[in-house]
């Protein structure tokens, strides 16, 4: 099988999206809109960020150890609290990534007893979920009169 993207390229792709999401969190005003603002019954951005945090490291732990931690940390209610957790999780992602063997990406896993797919598919799901819901954060920022970060800039 020919390789389309390397494991390091996939990690950099994910981390690039995480950098955009981090800038999205940073862009929220200092008031409590990060944890309270909603349009049309959509979840707050704080709730979505907690979803990202609840998926990223626990999924990598499962991929590496084949044990799928179900622990849920309390959702961050402030922008500063979210950024602190975001940065800590990014460091964990960078530490866990090299522990995934090359062959593991092609193996099938059942994450959290619910989602059975190739490991690479689980990783794409996490990335896609973040991108999808970050768009909601962009809508909130625009509605609050704040220009969201430029998403093509993943530096």
N, C-alpha and C. Protein backbone atom coordinates (compact mmCIF):
# COMPACT_ATOMS: atom_id res chain seq x y z
N UNK A 1 0.85 -1.18 0.00
CA UNK A 1 0.00 0.00 0.00
C UNK A 1 0.89 1.24 0.00
N UNK A 2 0.57 2.20 -0.81
CA UNK A 2 1.36 3.44 -0.84
C UNK A 2 0.85 4.39 0.23
N UNK A 3 1.76 5.16 0.74
CA UNK A 3 1.43 6.10 1.79
C UNK A 3 0.99 7.42 1.18
N UNK A 4 -0.11 7.95 1.65
CA UNK A 4 -0.61 9.24 1.18
C UNK A 4 -0.15 10.35 2.11
N UNK A 5 -0.15 10.06 3.40
CA UNK A 5 0.24 11.04 4.41
C UNK A 5 1.00 10.29 5.50
N UNK A 6 2.07 10.87 5.97
CA UNK A 6 2.85 10.21 7.01
C UNK A 6 2.23 10.45 8.38
N UNK A 7 2.63 9.66 9.35
CA UNK A 7 2.13 9.84 10.72
C UNK A 7 2.49 11.21 11.24
N UNK A 8 3.69 11.71 10.92
CA UNK A 8 4.09 13.04 11.37
C UNK A 8 3.28 14.13 10.68
N UNK A 9 2.95 13.93 9.42
CA UNK A 9 2.11 14.89 8.71
C UNK A 9 0.70 14.92 9.29
N UNK A 10 0.18 13.76 9.65
CA UNK A 10 -1.15 13.70 10.26
C UNK A 10 -1.15 14.43 11.60
N UNK A 11 -0.13 14.20 12.40
CA UNK A 11 -0.04 14.91 13.69
C UNK A 11 0.03 16.41 13.45
N UNK A 12 0.87 16.86 12.53
CA UNK A 12 0.99 18.30 12.27
C UNK A 12 -0.32 18.88 11.75
N UNK A 13 -1.05 18.12 10.93
CA UNK A 13 -2.36 18.55 10.45
C UNK A 13 -3.29 18.79 11.65
N UNK A 14 -3.33 17.83 12.56
CA UNK A 14 -4.19 17.92 13.74
C UNK A 14 -3.75 19.09 14.62
N UNK A 15 -2.46 19.19 14.89
CA UNK A 15 -1.97 20.27 15.75
C UNK A 15 -2.23 21.64 15.10
N UNK A 16 -2.16 21.71 13.78
CA UNK A 16 -2.49 22.96 13.10
C UNK A 16 -3.93 23.37 13.35
N UNK A 17 -4.83 22.41 13.28
CA UNK A 17 -6.24 22.71 13.58
C UNK A 17 -6.41 23.07 15.05
N UNK A 18 -5.68 22.41 15.93
CA UNK A 18 -5.75 22.76 17.35
C UNK A 18 -5.27 24.20 17.59
N UNK A 19 -4.27 24.64 16.83
CA UNK A 19 -3.80 26.02 16.98
C UNK A 19 -4.90 27.01 16.56
N UNK A 20 -5.63 26.70 15.49
CA UNK A 20 -6.73 27.57 15.06
C UNK A 20 -7.83 27.56 16.12
N UNK A 21 -8.15 26.39 16.65
CA UNK A 21 -9.18 26.32 17.68
C UNK A 21 -8.75 27.08 18.92
N UNK A 22 -7.48 27.00 19.27
CA UNK A 22 -6.98 27.75 20.44
C UNK A 22 -7.17 29.25 20.21
N UNK A 23 -6.85 29.72 19.01
CA UNK A 23 -7.04 31.15 18.70
C UNK A 23 -8.52 31.51 18.72
N UNK A 24 -9.39 30.57 18.38
CA UNK A 24 -10.83 30.81 18.46
C UNK A 24 -11.25 31.00 19.90
N UNK A 25 -10.76 30.15 20.80
CA UNK A 25 -11.05 30.29 22.22
C UNK A 25 -10.54 31.65 22.71
N UNK A 26 -9.32 32.00 22.34
CA UNK A 26 -8.72 33.28 22.75
C UNK A 26 -9.52 34.48 22.28
N UNK A 27 -10.18 34.37 21.13
CA UNK A 27 -10.89 35.50 20.54
C UNK A 27 -12.17 35.87 21.29
N UNK A 28 -12.69 34.97 22.12
CA UNK A 28 -13.91 35.29 22.85
C UNK A 28 -13.66 36.45 23.79
N UNK A 29 -14.64 37.34 23.93
CA UNK A 29 -14.48 38.48 24.84
C UNK A 29 -14.24 38.03 26.28
N UNK A 30 -13.73 38.96 27.09
CA UNK A 30 -13.44 38.66 28.50
C UNK A 30 -14.69 38.41 29.33
N UNK A 31 -15.86 38.82 28.82
CA UNK A 31 -17.08 38.57 29.59
C UNK A 31 -17.35 37.06 29.62
N UNK A 32 -18.49 36.66 30.06
CA UNK A 32 -18.77 35.22 30.20
C UNK A 32 -19.40 34.61 28.94
N UNK A 33 -19.28 35.28 27.79
CA UNK A 33 -19.91 34.77 26.57
C UNK A 33 -19.35 33.42 26.14
N UNK A 34 -18.11 33.11 26.51
CA UNK A 34 -17.52 31.81 26.18
C UNK A 34 -18.37 30.68 26.74
N UNK A 35 -18.87 30.87 27.96
CA UNK A 35 -19.62 29.79 28.62
C UNK A 35 -21.13 29.99 28.61
N UNK A 36 -21.62 31.15 28.13
CA UNK A 36 -23.06 31.37 28.20
C UNK A 36 -23.71 31.66 26.85
N UNK A 37 -22.95 32.13 25.87
CA UNK A 37 -23.55 32.59 24.63
C UNK A 37 -24.02 31.42 23.77
N UNK A 38 -25.24 31.54 23.27
CA UNK A 38 -25.82 30.50 22.44
C UNK A 38 -26.76 31.16 21.43
N UNK A 39 -26.87 30.58 20.28
CA UNK A 39 -27.81 31.04 19.26
C UNK A 39 -28.65 29.84 18.85
N UNK A 40 -29.94 30.03 18.81
CA UNK A 40 -30.83 29.00 18.28
C UNK A 40 -30.77 27.67 19.00
N UNK A 41 -30.44 27.70 20.27
CA UNK A 41 -30.41 26.46 21.05
C UNK A 41 -29.14 25.64 20.88
N UNK A 42 -28.15 26.17 20.14
CA UNK A 42 -26.89 25.44 20.00
C UNK A 42 -26.15 25.46 21.34
N UNK A 43 -25.29 24.48 21.53
CA UNK A 43 -24.49 24.42 22.76
C UNK A 43 -23.50 25.58 22.80
N UNK A 44 -23.13 25.97 24.00
CA UNK A 44 -22.14 27.04 24.15
C UNK A 44 -20.79 26.56 23.64
N UNK A 45 -19.91 27.51 23.32
CA UNK A 45 -18.60 27.11 22.84
C UNK A 45 -17.81 26.43 23.96
N UNK A 46 -18.02 26.83 25.20
CA UNK A 46 -17.36 26.15 26.33
C UNK A 46 -17.74 24.68 26.37
N UNK A 47 -18.99 24.37 26.12
CA UNK A 47 -19.45 22.98 26.11
C UNK A 47 -18.79 22.22 24.97
N UNK A 48 -18.66 22.85 23.82
CA UNK A 48 -18.02 22.19 22.68
C UNK A 48 -16.54 21.98 22.94
N UNK A 49 -15.88 22.97 23.52
CA UNK A 49 -14.46 22.81 23.84
C UNK A 49 -14.28 21.66 24.81
N UNK A 50 -15.17 21.53 25.78
CA UNK A 50 -15.07 20.41 26.71
C UNK A 50 -15.26 19.08 25.97
N UNK A 51 -16.11 19.06 24.95
CA UNK A 51 -16.26 17.85 24.14
C UNK A 51 -14.94 17.51 23.46
N UNK A 52 -14.27 18.51 22.88
CA UNK A 52 -12.98 18.27 22.24
C UNK A 52 -11.99 17.70 23.25
N UNK A 53 -11.97 18.32 24.44
CA UNK A 53 -11.03 17.89 25.48
C UNK A 53 -11.37 16.47 25.97
N UNK A 54 -12.64 16.14 25.98
CA UNK A 54 -13.06 14.82 26.44
C UNK A 54 -12.77 13.72 25.43
N UNK A 55 -12.46 14.12 24.20
CA UNK A 55 -12.23 13.14 23.14
C UNK A 55 -10.75 12.94 22.80
N UNK A 56 -9.99 14.01 22.75
CA UNK A 56 -8.64 13.94 22.18
C UNK A 56 -7.70 13.04 22.96
N UNK A 57 -7.34 13.42 24.16
CA UNK A 57 -6.38 12.62 24.93
C UNK A 57 -6.95 11.25 25.29
N UNK A 58 -8.21 11.15 25.75
CA UNK A 58 -8.73 9.82 26.05
C UNK A 58 -8.69 8.86 24.85
N UNK A 59 -8.92 9.38 23.65
CA UNK A 59 -8.84 8.51 22.47
C UNK A 59 -7.41 8.06 22.22
N UNK A 60 -6.46 8.97 22.35
CA UNK A 60 -5.06 8.57 22.16
C UNK A 60 -4.63 7.57 23.23
N UNK A 61 -5.07 7.78 24.47
CA UNK A 61 -4.76 6.80 25.53
C UNK A 61 -5.31 5.43 25.13
N UNK A 62 -6.53 5.40 24.61
CA UNK A 62 -7.13 4.14 24.18
C UNK A 62 -6.38 3.50 23.03
N UNK A 63 -5.97 4.32 22.08
CA UNK A 63 -5.23 3.79 20.93
C UNK A 63 -3.90 3.18 21.39
N UNK A 64 -3.24 3.86 22.31
CA UNK A 64 -1.93 3.40 22.79
C UNK A 64 -2.07 2.20 23.72
N UNK A 65 -2.99 2.27 24.67
CA UNK A 65 -3.06 1.25 25.73
C UNK A 65 -4.15 0.21 25.53
N UNK A 66 -5.07 0.48 24.62
CA UNK A 66 -6.26 -0.34 24.41
C UNK A 66 -7.17 -0.35 25.63
N UNK A 67 -7.01 0.64 26.49
CA UNK A 67 -7.93 0.89 27.61
C UNK A 67 -8.52 2.26 27.37
N UNK A 68 -9.85 2.34 27.40
CA UNK A 68 -10.54 3.55 26.98
C UNK A 68 -11.11 4.27 28.20
N UNK A 69 -10.39 5.27 28.71
CA UNK A 69 -10.82 5.97 29.93
C UNK A 69 -12.12 6.75 29.70
N UNK A 70 -13.07 6.56 30.58
CA UNK A 70 -14.37 7.22 30.44
C UNK A 70 -14.50 8.41 31.38
N UNK A 71 -13.43 8.77 32.05
CA UNK A 71 -13.51 9.87 33.01
C UNK A 71 -13.85 11.17 32.30
N UNK A 72 -14.67 11.95 32.94
CA UNK A 72 -15.05 13.26 32.40
C UNK A 72 -14.64 14.31 33.41
N UNK A 73 -13.83 15.23 32.96
CA UNK A 73 -13.46 16.35 33.81
C UNK A 73 -14.55 17.41 33.72
N UNK A 74 -14.62 18.23 34.74
CA UNK A 74 -15.59 19.31 34.72
C UNK A 74 -15.26 20.27 33.57
N UNK A 75 -16.29 20.72 32.90
CA UNK A 75 -16.10 21.61 31.76
C UNK A 75 -15.51 22.94 32.21
N UNK A 76 -14.55 23.47 31.46
CA UNK A 76 -14.04 24.80 31.80
C UNK A 76 -15.14 25.83 31.58
N UNK A 77 -15.26 26.76 32.51
CA UNK A 77 -16.30 27.78 32.40
C UNK A 77 -15.74 29.14 32.00
N UNK A 78 -14.42 29.24 31.98
CA UNK A 78 -13.80 30.50 31.57
C UNK A 78 -12.88 30.26 30.40
N UNK A 79 -12.66 31.31 29.68
CA UNK A 79 -11.73 31.24 28.55
C UNK A 79 -10.34 30.85 29.05
N UNK A 80 -9.90 31.45 30.14
CA UNK A 80 -8.56 31.14 30.68
C UNK A 80 -8.46 29.67 31.10
N UNK A 81 -9.49 29.15 31.74
CA UNK A 81 -9.49 27.76 32.15
C UNK A 81 -9.46 26.81 30.96
N UNK A 82 -10.18 27.18 29.92
CA UNK A 82 -10.18 26.35 28.70
C UNK A 82 -8.81 26.36 28.04
N UNK A 83 -8.18 27.52 27.98
CA UNK A 83 -6.85 27.61 27.36
C UNK A 83 -5.82 26.81 28.15
N UNK A 84 -5.93 26.84 29.47
CA UNK A 84 -5.00 26.07 30.31
C UNK A 84 -5.13 24.58 30.03
N UNK A 85 -6.37 24.09 30.00
CA UNK A 85 -6.59 22.67 29.70
C UNK A 85 -6.18 22.34 28.27
N UNK A 86 -6.46 23.24 27.35
CA UNK A 86 -6.13 23.02 25.94
C UNK A 86 -4.63 22.81 25.79
N UNK A 87 -3.86 23.69 26.42
CA UNK A 87 -2.40 23.60 26.31
C UNK A 87 -1.88 22.32 26.97
N UNK A 88 -2.44 21.95 28.11
CA UNK A 88 -2.02 20.71 28.78
C UNK A 88 -2.34 19.50 27.91
N UNK A 89 -3.52 19.49 27.30
CA UNK A 89 -3.89 18.37 26.43
C UNK A 89 -3.01 18.30 25.19
N UNK A 90 -2.64 19.46 24.65
CA UNK A 90 -1.77 19.46 23.48
C UNK A 90 -0.43 18.81 23.83
N UNK A 91 0.10 19.11 25.00
CA UNK A 91 1.35 18.47 25.43
C UNK A 91 1.18 16.97 25.56
N UNK A 92 0.03 16.53 26.08
CA UNK A 92 -0.22 15.09 26.20
C UNK A 92 -0.33 14.43 24.83
N UNK A 93 -0.98 15.10 23.89
CA UNK A 93 -1.10 14.57 22.53
C UNK A 93 0.30 14.38 21.94
N UNK A 94 1.14 15.38 22.10
CA UNK A 94 2.50 15.30 21.55
C UNK A 94 3.31 14.19 22.23
N UNK A 95 3.03 13.91 23.51
CA UNK A 95 3.74 12.84 24.21
C UNK A 95 3.20 11.46 23.85
N UNK A 96 1.90 11.35 23.64
CA UNK A 96 1.29 10.05 23.32
C UNK A 96 1.52 9.63 21.87
N UNK A 97 1.55 10.58 20.97
CA UNK A 97 1.62 10.27 19.54
C UNK A 97 2.74 9.31 19.17
N UNK A 98 3.99 9.53 19.64
CA UNK A 98 5.07 8.62 19.25
C UNK A 98 4.88 7.20 19.77
N UNK A 99 3.97 7.01 20.71
CA UNK A 99 3.72 5.68 21.27
C UNK A 99 2.79 4.84 20.39
N UNK A 100 2.23 5.45 19.36
CA UNK A 100 1.36 4.70 18.45
C UNK A 100 2.26 4.04 17.41
N UNK A 101 2.23 2.73 17.36
CA UNK A 101 3.07 2.03 16.39
C UNK A 101 2.54 2.25 14.98
N UNK A 102 3.42 2.13 14.01
CA UNK A 102 3.04 2.33 12.60
C UNK A 102 1.84 1.46 12.21
N UNK A 103 1.89 0.19 12.59
CA UNK A 103 0.83 -0.73 12.21
C UNK A 103 -0.49 -0.46 12.90
N UNK A 104 -0.45 0.20 14.03
CA UNK A 104 -1.67 0.45 14.80
C UNK A 104 -2.67 1.31 14.03
N UNK A 105 -2.19 2.19 13.18
CA UNK A 105 -3.09 3.07 12.43
C UNK A 105 -4.05 2.29 11.55
N UNK A 106 -3.64 1.10 11.09
CA UNK A 106 -4.47 0.28 10.20
C UNK A 106 -5.32 -0.73 10.95
N UNK A 107 -5.10 -0.87 12.24
CA UNK A 107 -5.89 -1.81 13.03
C UNK A 107 -7.26 -1.23 13.33
N UNK A 108 -8.19 -2.13 13.61
CA UNK A 108 -9.54 -1.71 13.99
C UNK A 108 -9.61 -1.66 15.51
N UNK A 109 -10.27 -0.64 16.01
CA UNK A 109 -10.44 -0.49 17.46
C UNK A 109 -11.89 -0.10 17.73
N UNK A 110 -12.35 -0.43 18.92
CA UNK A 110 -13.66 0.00 19.37
C UNK A 110 -13.44 1.00 20.49
N UNK A 111 -13.64 2.25 20.17
CA UNK A 111 -13.40 3.33 21.13
C UNK A 111 -14.56 3.44 22.10
N UNK A 112 -14.23 3.41 23.38
CA UNK A 112 -15.20 3.62 24.45
C UNK A 112 -16.39 2.66 24.37
N UNK A 113 -16.14 1.47 23.80
CA UNK A 113 -17.18 0.46 23.70
C UNK A 113 -18.27 0.79 22.70
N UNK A 114 -18.07 1.83 21.86
CA UNK A 114 -19.15 2.29 20.99
C UNK A 114 -18.80 2.38 19.52
N UNK A 115 -17.63 2.90 19.19
CA UNK A 115 -17.31 3.23 17.81
C UNK A 115 -16.21 2.31 17.30
N UNK A 116 -16.56 1.44 16.37
CA UNK A 116 -15.60 0.50 15.81
C UNK A 116 -15.21 0.97 14.42
N UNK A 117 -13.91 1.20 14.26
CA UNK A 117 -13.39 1.65 12.97
C UNK A 117 -11.88 1.55 13.00
N UNK A 118 -11.22 1.75 11.86
CA UNK A 118 -9.76 1.77 11.88
C UNK A 118 -9.27 2.91 12.77
N UNK A 119 -8.11 2.73 13.37
CA UNK A 119 -7.54 3.75 14.25
C UNK A 119 -7.40 5.07 13.51
N UNK A 120 -6.95 5.03 12.25
CA UNK A 120 -6.84 6.28 11.50
C UNK A 120 -8.20 6.96 11.38
N UNK A 121 -9.27 6.19 11.28
CA UNK A 121 -10.63 6.74 11.21
C UNK A 121 -11.04 7.42 12.50
N UNK A 122 -10.66 6.82 13.63
CA UNK A 122 -10.95 7.46 14.92
C UNK A 122 -10.26 8.82 15.01
N UNK A 123 -9.02 8.86 14.56
CA UNK A 123 -8.27 10.13 14.61
C UNK A 123 -8.89 11.17 13.68
N UNK A 124 -9.28 10.76 12.47
CA UNK A 124 -9.92 11.71 11.57
C UNK A 124 -11.23 12.19 12.16
N UNK A 125 -11.96 11.30 12.84
CA UNK A 125 -13.23 11.71 13.45
C UNK A 125 -13.00 12.82 14.48
N UNK A 126 -11.98 12.67 15.32
CA UNK A 126 -11.68 13.69 16.32
C UNK A 126 -11.35 15.02 15.65
N UNK A 127 -10.52 14.96 14.62
CA UNK A 127 -10.14 16.18 13.90
C UNK A 127 -11.36 16.81 13.23
N UNK A 128 -12.15 16.00 12.54
CA UNK A 128 -13.34 16.51 11.84
C UNK A 128 -14.34 17.12 12.82
N UNK A 129 -14.53 16.47 13.97
CA UNK A 129 -15.46 16.97 14.97
C UNK A 129 -15.03 18.35 15.47
N UNK A 130 -13.74 18.50 15.71
CA UNK A 130 -13.23 19.80 16.16
C UNK A 130 -13.46 20.88 15.09
N UNK A 131 -13.14 20.57 13.84
CA UNK A 131 -13.32 21.53 12.75
C UNK A 131 -14.79 21.92 12.63
N UNK A 132 -15.65 20.93 12.65
CA UNK A 132 -17.09 21.15 12.51
C UNK A 132 -17.60 22.10 13.60
N UNK A 133 -17.29 21.79 14.84
CA UNK A 133 -17.81 22.61 15.94
C UNK A 133 -17.06 23.94 16.10
N UNK A 134 -15.81 24.01 15.63
CA UNK A 134 -15.12 25.29 15.65
C UNK A 134 -15.87 26.28 14.77
N UNK A 135 -16.49 25.79 13.70
CA UNK A 135 -17.32 26.66 12.86
C UNK A 135 -18.44 27.30 13.65
N UNK A 136 -18.99 26.58 14.60
CA UNK A 136 -20.01 27.16 15.47
C UNK A 136 -19.40 28.30 16.29
N UNK A 137 -18.19 28.09 16.77
CA UNK A 137 -17.50 29.16 17.50
C UNK A 137 -17.30 30.38 16.62
N UNK A 138 -17.00 30.15 15.34
CA UNK A 138 -16.85 31.27 14.41
C UNK A 138 -18.16 32.05 14.29
N UNK A 139 -19.28 31.33 14.20
CA UNK A 139 -20.60 31.98 14.12
C UNK A 139 -20.83 32.82 15.37
N UNK A 140 -20.55 32.26 16.53
CA UNK A 140 -20.72 33.00 17.79
C UNK A 140 -19.86 34.26 17.80
N UNK A 141 -18.60 34.12 17.41
CA UNK A 141 -17.71 35.28 17.41
C UNK A 141 -18.25 36.38 16.48
N UNK A 142 -18.66 36.00 15.28
CA UNK A 142 -19.18 37.00 14.34
C UNK A 142 -20.43 37.67 14.91
N UNK A 143 -21.31 36.89 15.55
CA UNK A 143 -22.52 37.46 16.15
C UNK A 143 -22.18 38.41 17.31
N UNK A 144 -21.05 38.15 17.96
CA UNK A 144 -20.59 39.02 19.05
C UNK A 144 -19.79 40.21 18.53
N UNK A 145 -19.62 40.31 17.21
CA UNK A 145 -18.88 41.42 16.61
C UNK A 145 -17.37 41.23 16.64
N UNK A 146 -16.93 39.97 16.75
CA UNK A 146 -15.50 39.66 16.81
C UNK A 146 -15.12 38.89 15.55
N UNK A 147 -14.04 39.31 14.91
CA UNK A 147 -13.55 38.61 13.72
C UNK A 147 -12.86 37.31 14.17
N UNK A 148 -13.31 36.16 13.66
CA UNK A 148 -12.64 34.91 14.04
C UNK A 148 -11.26 34.81 13.40
N UNK A 149 -10.43 33.92 13.90
CA UNK A 149 -9.11 33.75 13.30
C UNK A 149 -9.22 33.23 11.87
N UNK A 150 -8.19 33.48 11.11
CA UNK A 150 -8.15 32.99 9.73
C UNK A 150 -7.84 31.49 9.77
N UNK A 151 -8.80 30.67 9.37
CA UNK A 151 -8.61 29.22 9.51
C UNK A 151 -7.54 28.63 8.60
N UNK A 152 -7.20 29.24 7.45
CA UNK A 152 -6.10 28.64 6.68
C UNK A 152 -4.74 28.80 7.37
N UNK A 153 -4.63 29.75 8.29
CA UNK A 153 -3.37 29.97 9.00
C UNK A 153 -3.30 29.01 10.17
N UNK A 154 -2.59 27.93 10.00
CA UNK A 154 -2.52 26.91 11.06
C UNK A 154 -1.20 26.96 11.82
N UNK A 155 -0.48 28.07 11.67
CA UNK A 155 0.81 28.20 12.37
C UNK A 155 0.60 28.51 13.84
